[in-house]
Amino acid sequence: QVQLVESGGGLVQAGGSLRLSCAASGRGFIPHVQGWYRQVRGKQREAVATITRGGEINYADSVKGRFTISRDNDKSTVHLQMNSLKPEDTAPYYCYLRVARSEYWGQGTQVTVSS
């Protein structure tokens, strides 16, 4: 069983920065895809940034150039550096991990950007 623990959400003014982290714990898992999703009020959950086992990175168009996903060398922790935050980035952010055919989600961490 894999568990995900998120940290780093909070309240920031527009133009500010936040860094989210997600630590995965479990025995002998090999992450295939790691990333961050968010669910803006009234919209479906969307992928913000993902990184594959091989290091391929994808970003939502709305965050390109502002957000950066990275992970530690042992692949157990993934980070999301969010710069130039906008009020429309306000949402709960969920850490995501796929191991083979199993998917895991964090509990969510709230990001609120004030105008």
Protein backbone atom coordinates (compact mmCIF):
# COMPACT_ATOMS: atom_id res chain seq x y z
CA GLN A 1 0.00 0.00 0.00
CA VAL A 2 1.26 3.46 -0.90
CA GLN A 3 0.44 6.59 1.05
CA LEU A 4 0.85 10.17 -0.11
CA VAL A 5 1.37 13.08 2.25
CA GLU A 6 1.14 16.59 0.88
CA SER A 7 2.43 19.82 2.30
CA GLY A 8 2.95 23.41 1.32
CA GLY A 9 -0.45 24.85 0.50
CA GLY A 10 -1.66 28.14 1.88
CA LEU A 11 -2.76 31.68 1.21
CA VAL A 12 -0.72 33.99 -0.98
CA GLN A 13 -1.28 37.24 -2.81
CA ALA A 14 -1.47 37.35 -6.57
CA GLY A 15 2.02 37.29 -8.05
CA GLY A 16 3.39 35.32 -5.14
CA SER A 17 4.84 31.84 -4.95
CA LEU A 18 4.16 28.58 -3.18
CA ARG A 19 5.89 25.21 -3.21
CA LEU A 20 3.95 22.01 -2.79
CA SER A 21 5.55 18.73 -1.82
CA CYS A 22 4.21 15.20 -1.86
CA ALA A 23 6.02 12.39 -0.07
CA ALA A 24 5.16 8.82 -0.98
CA SER A 25 5.70 5.96 1.41
CA GLY A 26 5.37 2.26 0.82
CA ARG A 27 7.40 -0.81 0.11
CA GLY A 28 9.19 -1.33 -3.14
CA PHE A 29 6.95 0.70 -5.40
CA ILE A 30 8.12 2.05 -8.72
CA PRO A 31 6.27 5.19 -9.75
CA HIS A 32 5.12 5.27 -13.34
CA VAL A 33 3.49 8.69 -13.24
CA GLN A 34 3.60 11.34 -10.53
CA GLY A 35 1.99 14.69 -10.54
CA TRP A 36 -0.45 17.26 -9.32
CA TYR A 37 -4.10 17.80 -10.11
CA ARG A 38 -6.47 20.52 -9.02
CA GLN A 39 -10.20 21.00 -9.00
CA VAL A 40 -11.26 24.58 -9.52
CA ARG A 41 -14.76 25.22 -8.23
CA GLY A 42 -17.34 24.34 -10.85
CA LYS A 43 -14.88 22.48 -13.05
CA GLN A 44 -13.60 18.95 -13.41
CA ARG A 45 -10.37 17.91 -11.79
CA GLU A 46 -7.53 18.73 -14.15
CA ALA A 47 -3.91 17.70 -14.44
CA VAL A 48 -1.66 20.60 -13.54
CA ALA A 49 1.70 18.93 -14.01
CA THR A 50 2.86 15.34 -14.42
CA ILE A 51 6.18 13.57 -14.68
CA THR A 52 6.66 10.03 -15.92
CA ARG A 53 9.07 7.40 -14.77
CA GLY A 54 11.30 8.31 -17.69
CA GLY A 55 11.22 11.99 -16.85
CA GLU A 56 8.73 13.22 -19.43
CA ILE A 57 6.97 16.31 -18.09
CA ASN A 58 3.65 17.80 -19.09
CA TYR A 59 1.95 20.96 -17.92
CA ALA A 60 -1.52 22.35 -18.30
CA ASP A 61 -1.46 25.25 -20.74
CA SER A 62 -2.70 27.57 -18.01
CA VAL A 63 0.40 27.04 -15.86
CA LYS A 64 3.17 26.74 -18.44
CA GLY A 65 6.01 29.10 -17.68
CA ARG A 66 4.82 29.62 -14.12
CA PHE A 67 4.83 26.19 -12.48
CA THR A 68 7.68 23.68 -12.32
CA ILE A 69 7.40 20.06 -11.29
CA SER A 70 10.41 18.22 -9.93
CA ARG A 71 11.18 15.19 -7.82
CA ASP A 72 13.89 13.87 -5.58
CA ASN A 73 16.45 11.43 -6.95
CA ASP A 74 14.84 8.47 -5.22
CA LYS A 75 11.50 9.43 -6.83
CA SER A 76 9.71 9.26 -3.49
CA THR A 77 8.94 12.97 -3.29
CA VAL A 78 7.57 15.23 -5.97
CA HIS A 79 7.43 19.01 -5.77
CA LEU A 80 5.46 21.71 -7.51
CA GLN A 81 6.99 25.17 -7.53
CA MET A 82 4.26 27.68 -8.33
CA ASN A 83 5.31 31.21 -9.27
CA SER A 84 3.35 34.22 -10.49
CA LEU A 85 0.23 32.82 -8.91
CA LYS A 86 -3.12 34.12 -10.06
CA PRO A 87 -6.52 34.13 -8.32
CA GLU A 88 -7.71 31.57 -10.85
CA ASP A 89 -5.11 29.14 -9.51
CA THR A 90 -7.13 28.92 -6.31
CA ALA A 91 -8.17 25.30 -5.73
CA PRO A 92 -7.42 22.24 -3.69
CA TYR A 93 -4.34 20.56 -5.19
CA TYR A 94 -4.06 16.79 -5.13
CA CYS A 95 -0.93 14.74 -5.40
CA TYR A 96 -1.22 11.80 -7.79
CA LEU A 97 0.80 8.64 -8.17
CA ARG A 98 0.34 5.75 -10.55
CA VAL A 99 2.11 2.48 -9.89
CA ALA A 100 1.46 -0.04 -12.66
CA ARG A 101 -2.38 -0.05 -12.82
CA SER A 102 -2.95 1.31 -9.34
CA GLU A 103 -3.67 4.97 -8.71
CA TYR A 104 -3.16 6.84 -5.48
CA TRP A 105 -4.28 10.30 -4.39
CA GLY A 106 -3.25 12.60 -1.63
CA GLN A 107 -5.77 14.16 0.69
CA GLY A 108 -5.46 17.55 -1.01
CA THR A 109 -3.88 20.79 0.05
CA GLN A 110 -5.63 24.12 -0.41
CA VAL A 111 -4.03 26.88 -2.44
CA THR A 112 -5.73 30.25 -2.19
CA VAL A 113 -4.53 33.24 -4.19
CA SER A 114 -5.96 36.60 -3.23
CA SER A 115 -6.27 39.46 -5.69
